[in-house]
Amino acid sequence: MGSHEDFALAPLHAHINLLGWVTLALFGTFYTLTKDTYSPRLAWLNFVLSTAGIFAMIPILYFLLSTPEGGAKYGPMAGAAGGVAILGLLVFLVSVLRELMRKRA
């Protein structure tokens, strides 16, 4: 992008970095630090929803940003993929709240 001064796909780049790397790294760090008390079901649900949402969102965003009339054609699919990723974030929130509210020994 920088060498060609074409930043049309900058939102895609941001989503790959923030959703694909940063949030998944935070999830992994949290589950590693709470390995003795976290819920494996919630952790796997978080992983599956987040990963599926991200893997669906990336190609859809590419076509949305790079094709004429991409918003009309790919916008609803991008919203659905984003919704799946948001569900993964909400599951993570439940995991964090569960960890914060548990009784300490």
N, C-alpha and C. Protein backbone atom coordinates (compact mmCIF):
# COMPACT_ATOMS: atom_id res chain seq x y z
N MET A 1 0.82 -1.19 0.00
CA MET A 1 0.00 0.00 0.00
C MET A 1 0.87 1.25 0.00
N GLY A 2 1.89 1.24 0.82
CA GLY A 2 2.71 2.44 0.95
C GLY A 2 3.52 2.76 -0.28
N SER A 3 4.07 1.75 -0.93
CA SER A 3 4.91 2.02 -2.10
C SER A 3 4.11 2.52 -3.28
N HIS A 4 2.83 2.14 -3.36
CA HIS A 4 1.99 2.58 -4.47
C HIS A 4 1.09 3.75 -4.09
N GLU A 5 1.13 4.15 -2.83
CA GLU A 5 0.27 5.23 -2.32
C GLU A 5 -1.21 4.94 -2.58
N ASP A 6 -1.57 3.67 -2.50
CA ASP A 6 -2.96 3.26 -2.69
C ASP A 6 -3.45 2.66 -1.36
N PHE A 7 -4.26 3.41 -0.65
CA PHE A 7 -4.71 2.99 0.67
C PHE A 7 -6.17 2.55 0.67
N ALA A 8 -6.65 2.09 -0.47
CA ALA A 8 -8.05 1.67 -0.57
C ALA A 8 -8.34 0.46 0.31
N LEU A 9 -7.35 -0.38 0.53
CA LEU A 9 -7.56 -1.57 1.35
C LEU A 9 -7.08 -1.40 2.79
N ALA A 10 -6.88 -0.16 3.22
CA ALA A 10 -6.44 0.10 4.59
C ALA A 10 -7.42 -0.46 5.64
N PRO A 11 -8.74 -0.36 5.43
CA PRO A 11 -9.65 -0.97 6.43
C PRO A 11 -9.48 -2.48 6.54
N LEU A 12 -9.19 -3.13 5.42
CA LEU A 12 -8.95 -4.57 5.44
C LEU A 12 -7.69 -4.88 6.26
N HIS A 13 -6.66 -4.11 6.03
CA HIS A 13 -5.40 -4.26 6.77
C HIS A 13 -5.64 -4.08 8.27
N ALA A 14 -6.42 -3.10 8.63
CA ALA A 14 -6.72 -2.84 10.04
C ALA A 14 -7.50 -4.00 10.66
N HIS A 15 -8.47 -4.54 9.92
CA HIS A 15 -9.25 -5.66 10.45
C HIS A 15 -8.40 -6.91 10.62
N ILE A 16 -7.51 -7.17 9.67
CA ILE A 16 -6.62 -8.32 9.80
C ILE A 16 -5.75 -8.18 11.04
N ASN A 17 -5.20 -7.00 11.24
CA ASN A 17 -4.32 -6.79 12.39
C ASN A 17 -5.07 -6.83 13.72
N LEU A 18 -6.16 -6.09 13.82
CA LEU A 18 -6.84 -5.98 15.10
C LEU A 18 -7.66 -7.20 15.45
N LEU A 19 -8.44 -7.71 14.50
CA LEU A 19 -9.27 -8.87 14.81
C LEU A 19 -8.50 -10.18 14.65
N GLY A 20 -7.65 -10.24 13.65
CA GLY A 20 -6.97 -11.49 13.37
C GLY A 20 -5.78 -11.75 14.26
N TRP A 21 -5.14 -10.73 14.75
CA TRP A 21 -3.93 -10.93 15.56
C TRP A 21 -4.10 -10.43 16.98
N VAL A 22 -4.46 -9.20 17.14
CA VAL A 22 -4.47 -8.60 18.48
C VAL A 22 -5.51 -9.25 19.38
N THR A 23 -6.75 -9.34 18.91
CA THR A 23 -7.77 -9.91 19.80
C THR A 23 -7.52 -11.39 20.07
N LEU A 24 -7.12 -12.14 19.05
CA LEU A 24 -6.85 -13.56 19.30
C LEU A 24 -5.65 -13.75 20.22
N ALA A 25 -4.67 -12.87 20.14
CA ALA A 25 -3.54 -12.94 21.07
C ALA A 25 -4.00 -12.61 22.50
N LEU A 26 -4.88 -11.64 22.65
CA LEU A 26 -5.42 -11.32 23.97
C LEU A 26 -6.23 -12.48 24.52
N PHE A 27 -7.05 -13.11 23.66
CA PHE A 27 -7.82 -14.26 24.11
C PHE A 27 -6.89 -15.36 24.61
N GLY A 28 -5.87 -15.68 23.82
CA GLY A 28 -4.93 -16.73 24.20
C GLY A 28 -4.20 -16.41 25.49
N THR A 29 -3.81 -15.16 25.65
CA THR A 29 -3.13 -14.75 26.88
C THR A 29 -4.05 -14.90 28.08
N PHE A 30 -5.29 -14.47 27.94
CA PHE A 30 -6.26 -14.59 29.04
C PHE A 30 -6.46 -16.05 29.42
N TYR A 31 -6.68 -16.91 28.43
CA TYR A 31 -6.94 -18.31 28.73
C TYR A 31 -5.71 -19.02 29.28
N THR A 32 -4.54 -18.58 28.88
CA THR A 32 -3.31 -19.15 29.45
C THR A 32 -3.15 -18.74 30.91
N LEU A 33 -3.45 -17.49 31.21
CA LEU A 33 -3.31 -17.01 32.59
C LEU A 33 -4.37 -17.59 33.52
N THR A 34 -5.50 -18.01 32.96
CA THR A 34 -6.59 -18.55 33.79
C THR A 34 -6.79 -20.04 33.51
N LYS A 35 -5.72 -20.74 33.15
CA LYS A 35 -5.83 -22.14 32.71
C LYS A 35 -6.42 -23.08 33.75
N ASP A 36 -6.33 -22.73 35.00
CA ASP A 36 -6.85 -23.61 36.05
C ASP A 36 -8.33 -23.40 36.33
N THR A 37 -8.88 -22.28 35.91
CA THR A 37 -10.26 -21.96 36.30
C THR A 37 -11.19 -21.61 35.14
N TYR A 38 -10.69 -21.46 33.93
CA TYR A 38 -11.58 -21.06 32.83
C TYR A 38 -12.47 -22.21 32.39
N SER A 39 -13.53 -21.87 31.66
CA SER A 39 -14.44 -22.87 31.11
C SER A 39 -13.96 -23.28 29.71
N PRO A 40 -13.57 -24.54 29.53
CA PRO A 40 -13.11 -24.97 28.20
C PRO A 40 -14.19 -24.82 27.13
N ARG A 41 -15.45 -25.02 27.48
CA ARG A 41 -16.53 -24.85 26.50
C ARG A 41 -16.61 -23.42 26.00
N LEU A 42 -16.56 -22.47 26.93
CA LEU A 42 -16.60 -21.06 26.53
C LEU A 42 -15.37 -20.69 25.73
N ALA A 43 -14.22 -21.21 26.11
CA ALA A 43 -12.98 -20.91 25.38
C ALA A 43 -13.06 -21.42 23.95
N TRP A 44 -13.53 -22.65 23.76
CA TRP A 44 -13.64 -23.19 22.41
C TRP A 44 -14.71 -22.46 21.60
N LEU A 45 -15.82 -22.13 22.23
CA LEU A 45 -16.86 -21.36 21.53
C LEU A 45 -16.33 -20.00 21.11
N ASN A 46 -15.59 -19.36 21.99
CA ASN A 46 -14.96 -18.08 21.67
C ASN A 46 -14.02 -18.23 20.48
N PHE A 47 -13.17 -19.25 20.51
CA PHE A 47 -12.22 -19.49 19.43
C PHE A 47 -12.94 -19.75 18.10
N VAL A 48 -13.94 -20.62 18.12
CA VAL A 48 -14.62 -20.99 16.88
C VAL A 48 -15.36 -19.80 16.29
N LEU A 49 -16.12 -19.08 17.10
CA LEU A 49 -16.87 -17.92 16.58
C LEU A 49 -15.94 -16.83 16.07
N SER A 50 -14.92 -16.50 16.84
CA SER A 50 -14.00 -15.44 16.45
C SER A 50 -13.24 -15.80 15.18
N THR A 51 -12.74 -17.02 15.12
CA THR A 51 -11.97 -17.44 13.95
C THR A 51 -12.85 -17.53 12.71
N ALA A 52 -14.03 -18.08 12.85
CA ALA A 52 -14.94 -18.18 11.70
C ALA A 52 -15.34 -16.79 11.21
N GLY A 53 -15.63 -15.89 12.13
CA GLY A 53 -15.99 -14.52 11.74
C GLY A 53 -14.87 -13.81 11.01
N ILE A 54 -13.66 -13.98 11.50
CA ILE A 54 -12.51 -13.32 10.89
C ILE A 54 -12.21 -13.92 9.52
N PHE A 55 -12.19 -15.26 9.43
CA PHE A 55 -11.90 -15.90 8.15
C PHE A 55 -12.96 -15.59 7.10
N ALA A 56 -14.20 -15.40 7.52
CA ALA A 56 -15.24 -15.01 6.57
C ALA A 56 -15.14 -13.53 6.21
N MET A 57 -14.80 -12.71 7.18
CA MET A 57 -14.79 -11.26 6.98
C MET A 57 -13.68 -10.79 6.03
N ILE A 58 -12.51 -11.39 6.10
CA ILE A 58 -11.37 -10.89 5.33
C ILE A 58 -11.62 -10.92 3.83
N PRO A 59 -12.00 -12.06 3.22
CA PRO A 59 -12.24 -12.01 1.77
C PRO A 59 -13.45 -11.15 1.39
N ILE A 60 -14.46 -11.16 2.25
CA ILE A 60 -15.64 -10.34 1.96
C ILE A 60 -15.27 -8.86 1.96
N LEU A 61 -14.48 -8.43 2.94
CA LEU A 61 -14.03 -7.03 2.97
C LEU A 61 -13.18 -6.68 1.76
N TYR A 62 -12.35 -7.63 1.32
CA TYR A 62 -11.53 -7.38 0.14
C TYR A 62 -12.43 -7.08 -1.06
N PHE A 63 -13.42 -7.93 -1.30
CA PHE A 63 -14.30 -7.70 -2.44
C PHE A 63 -15.16 -6.46 -2.25
N LEU A 64 -15.58 -6.19 -1.03
CA LEU A 64 -16.37 -4.99 -0.74
C LEU A 64 -15.59 -3.72 -1.08
N LEU A 65 -14.31 -3.71 -0.72
CA LEU A 65 -13.50 -2.51 -0.92
C LEU A 65 -12.90 -2.39 -2.33
N SER A 66 -12.76 -3.50 -3.03
CA SER A 66 -12.04 -3.45 -4.30
C SER A 66 -12.92 -3.53 -5.54
N THR A 67 -14.20 -3.75 -5.38
CA THR A 67 -15.08 -3.83 -6.55
C THR A 67 -16.05 -2.67 -6.57
N PRO A 68 -16.41 -2.21 -7.77
CA PRO A 68 -17.44 -1.17 -7.86
C PRO A 68 -18.77 -1.74 -7.37
N GLU A 69 -19.52 -0.95 -6.71
CA GLU A 69 -20.79 -1.38 -6.13
C GLU A 69 -20.61 -2.52 -5.13
N GLY A 70 -19.43 -2.59 -4.52
CA GLY A 70 -19.14 -3.66 -3.58
C GLY A 70 -19.98 -3.57 -2.32
N GLY A 71 -20.31 -2.35 -1.91
CA GLY A 71 -21.11 -2.19 -0.70
C GLY A 71 -22.49 -2.79 -0.82
N ALA A 72 -23.11 -2.62 -1.98
CA ALA A 72 -24.45 -3.15 -2.18
C ALA A 72 -24.44 -4.68 -2.23
N LYS A 73 -23.41 -5.23 -2.87
CA LYS A 73 -23.36 -6.67 -3.05
C LYS A 73 -22.80 -7.40 -1.84
N TYR A 74 -21.73 -6.87 -1.25
CA TYR A 74 -21.03 -7.57 -0.17
C TYR A 74 -21.29 -7.00 1.22
N GLY A 75 -21.96 -5.87 1.30
CA GLY A 75 -22.23 -5.25 2.59
C GLY A 75 -22.98 -6.14 3.57
N PRO A 76 -24.09 -6.76 3.15
CA PRO A 76 -24.80 -7.63 4.09
C PRO A 76 -23.97 -8.84 4.55
N MET A 77 -23.16 -9.38 3.64
CA MET A 77 -22.31 -10.51 4.03
C MET A 77 -21.23 -10.05 5.02
N ALA A 78 -20.69 -8.86 4.80
CA ALA A 78 -19.69 -8.32 5.73
C ALA A 78 -20.32 -8.10 7.10
N GLY A 79 -21.55 -7.63 7.11
CA GLY A 79 -22.26 -7.44 8.38
C GLY A 79 -22.49 -8.75 9.11
N ALA A 80 -22.86 -9.79 8.36
CA ALA A 80 -23.08 -11.11 8.98
C ALA A 80 -21.77 -11.67 9.53
N ALA A 81 -20.69 -11.56 8.77
CA ALA A 81 -19.39 -12.04 9.24
C ALA A 81 -18.94 -11.25 10.47
N GLY A 82 -19.17 -9.95 10.44
CA GLY A 82 -18.84 -9.13 11.60
C GLY A 82 -19.68 -9.49 12.81
N GLY A 83 -20.93 -9.85 12.57
CA GLY A 83 -21.81 -10.29 13.66
C GLY A 83 -21.30 -11.55 14.32
N VAL A 84 -20.80 -12.49 13.53
CA VAL A 84 -20.23 -13.72 14.09
C VAL A 84 -18.99 -13.38 14.93
N ALA A 85 -18.14 -12.49 14.41
CA ALA A 85 -16.95 -12.08 15.17
C ALA A 85 -17.35 -11.37 16.47
N ILE A 86 -18.39 -10.57 16.43
CA ILE A 86 -18.87 -9.89 17.64
C ILE A 86 -19.42 -10.90 18.65
N LEU A 87 -20.09 -11.95 18.16
CA LEU A 87 -20.55 -13.00 19.08
C LEU A 87 -19.36 -13.64 19.79
N GLY A 88 -18.26 -13.83 19.07
CA GLY A 88 -17.05 -14.35 19.70
C GLY A 88 -16.53 -13.42 20.77
N LEU A 89 -16.58 -12.12 20.49
CA LEU A 89 -16.15 -11.14 21.51
C LEU A 89 -17.07 -11.16 22.72
N LEU A 90 -18.36 -11.34 22.50
CA LEU A 90 -19.30 -11.41 23.63
C LEU A 90 -19.07 -12.66 24.48
N VAL A 91 -18.75 -13.77 23.83
CA VAL A 91 -18.42 -14.99 24.58
C VAL A 91 -17.17 -14.75 25.42
N PHE A 92 -16.20 -14.04 24.86
CA PHE A 92 -15.01 -13.71 25.63
C PHE A 92 -15.38 -12.83 26.83
N LEU A 93 -16.26 -11.88 26.63
CA LEU A 93 -16.71 -11.03 27.73
C LEU A 93 -17.34 -11.88 28.84
N VAL A 94 -18.15 -12.86 28.46
CA VAL A 94 -18.75 -13.75 29.45
C VAL A 94 -17.65 -14.51 30.19
N SER A 95 -16.62 -14.97 29.48
CA SER A 95 -15.52 -15.68 30.12
C SER A 95 -14.79 -14.79 31.12
N VAL A 96 -14.56 -13.55 30.73
CA VAL A 96 -13.87 -12.61 31.62
C VAL A 96 -14.72 -12.32 32.85
N LEU A 97 -16.00 -12.04 32.65
CA LEU A 97 -16.88 -11.76 33.78
C LEU A 97 -17.00 -12.98 34.69
N ARG A 98 -17.07 -14.15 34.11
CA ARG A 98 -17.11 -15.38 34.90
C ARG A 98 -15.86 -15.51 35.77
N GLU A 99 -14.73 -15.18 35.20
CA GLU A 99 -13.46 -15.25 35.95
C GLU A 99 -13.42 -14.20 37.05
N LEU A 100 -13.90 -13.00 36.75
CA LEU A 100 -13.89 -11.93 37.76
C LEU A 100 -14.84 -12.20 38.92
N MET A 101 -15.95 -12.87 38.64
CA MET A 101 -16.98 -13.09 39.66
C MET A 101 -16.80 -14.39 40.45
N ARG A 102 -15.86 -15.24 40.06
CA ARG A 102 -15.72 -16.52 40.75
C ARG A 102 -15.19 -16.30 42.17
N LYS A 103 -15.53 -17.25 43.02
CA LYS A 103 -15.05 -17.17 44.40
C LYS A 103 -13.59 -17.55 44.45
N ARG A 104 -12.82 -16.79 45.17
CA ARG A 104 -11.38 -17.04 45.33
C ARG A 104 -11.16 -17.92 46.54
N ALA A 105 -10.14 -18.72 46.49
CA ALA A 105 -9.82 -19.62 47.61
C ALA A 105 -9.09 -18.88 48.71
